[in-house]
Amino acid sequence: MEHPIATSGSLVEKTGITPATVNKALGHLEQFGIVKELTAWKRNRLFSYAGYIEIMNRGTELPGR
């Protein structure tokens, strides 16, 4: 996974898909728990690929936490 965290704008640039389609797809992916919206902003929202981030964080917890 090259970019597990992205904005909808960066996805539009990378894919050439319209902003409306990207945002609709991100909404569906968020409903299914595949991506997670990180900012709670109305614009320039930041999304993460939740499963990938979860896998990368495994075993990185500090002892005693």
Protein backbone atom coordinates (compact mmCIF):
# COMPACT_ATOMS: atom_id res chain seq x y z
CA MET A 1 0.00 0.00 0.00
CA GLU A 2 1.68 3.16 -1.18
CA HIS A 3 -0.56 5.72 0.56
CA PRO A 4 -2.76 4.32 3.36
CA ILE A 5 -3.82 7.89 4.28
CA ALA A 6 -5.20 10.23 1.62
CA THR A 7 -7.52 13.14 0.94
CA SER A 8 -10.36 12.85 -1.52
CA GLY A 9 -8.56 15.48 -3.62
CA SER A 10 -5.43 13.36 -3.85
CA LEU A 11 -7.55 10.38 -4.91
CA VAL A 12 -9.20 12.49 -7.62
CA GLU A 13 -5.76 13.51 -8.93
CA LYS A 14 -4.37 9.97 -8.84
CA THR A 15 -7.40 8.24 -10.40
CA GLY A 16 -8.93 10.87 -12.68
CA ILE A 17 -12.35 10.06 -11.22
CA THR A 18 -14.69 12.99 -10.53
CA PRO A 19 -14.75 14.47 -7.01
CA ALA A 20 -18.43 13.54 -6.60
CA THR A 21 -17.72 9.90 -7.43
CA VAL A 22 -14.66 9.73 -5.17
CA ASN A 23 -16.57 11.25 -2.25
CA LYS A 24 -19.53 8.92 -2.76
CA ALA A 25 -17.21 5.90 -2.89
CA LEU A 26 -15.40 7.04 0.26
CA GLY A 27 -18.76 7.39 2.00
CA HIS A 28 -19.65 3.81 1.11
CA LEU A 29 -16.22 2.52 2.15
CA GLU A 30 -16.57 4.35 5.45
CA GLN A 31 -20.00 2.77 6.06
CA PHE A 32 -18.47 -0.68 5.55
CA GLY A 33 -15.57 0.12 7.90
CA ILE A 34 -12.95 -0.15 5.16
CA VAL A 35 -11.78 3.45 5.47
CA LYS A 36 -11.94 5.78 8.43
CA GLU A 37 -12.40 9.55 8.20
CA LEU A 38 -9.81 11.17 10.47
CA THR A 39 -10.60 14.90 10.52
CA ALA A 40 -14.36 15.42 11.07
CA TRP A 41 -14.09 18.41 8.74
CA LYS A 42 -16.55 19.21 5.95
CA ARG A 43 -13.75 19.97 3.46
CA ASN A 44 -10.25 18.57 2.94
CA ARG A 45 -11.16 15.43 4.84
CA LEU A 46 -8.43 12.90 5.49
CA PHE A 47 -9.16 9.18 5.17
CA SER A 48 -7.17 6.15 6.25
CA TYR A 49 -7.35 2.56 5.10
CA ALA A 50 -8.36 1.28 8.53
CA GLY A 51 -7.35 -2.37 8.09
CA TYR A 52 -3.87 -1.53 6.84
CA ILE A 53 -3.22 0.97 9.63
CA GLU A 54 -4.44 -1.60 12.16
CA ILE A 55 -2.03 -4.24 10.82
CA MET A 56 0.90 -1.81 10.82
CA ASN A 57 0.18 -0.81 14.43
CA ARG A 58 0.15 -4.37 15.78
CA GLY A 59 2.95 -4.99 18.21
CA THR A 60 3.89 -1.33 18.50
CA GLU A 61 2.15 -0.71 21.82
CA LEU A 62 4.32 0.47 24.67
CA PRO A 63 4.77 -2.07 27.49
CA GLY A 64 2.23 -1.65 30.26
CA ARG A 65 -0.30 0.22 28.12
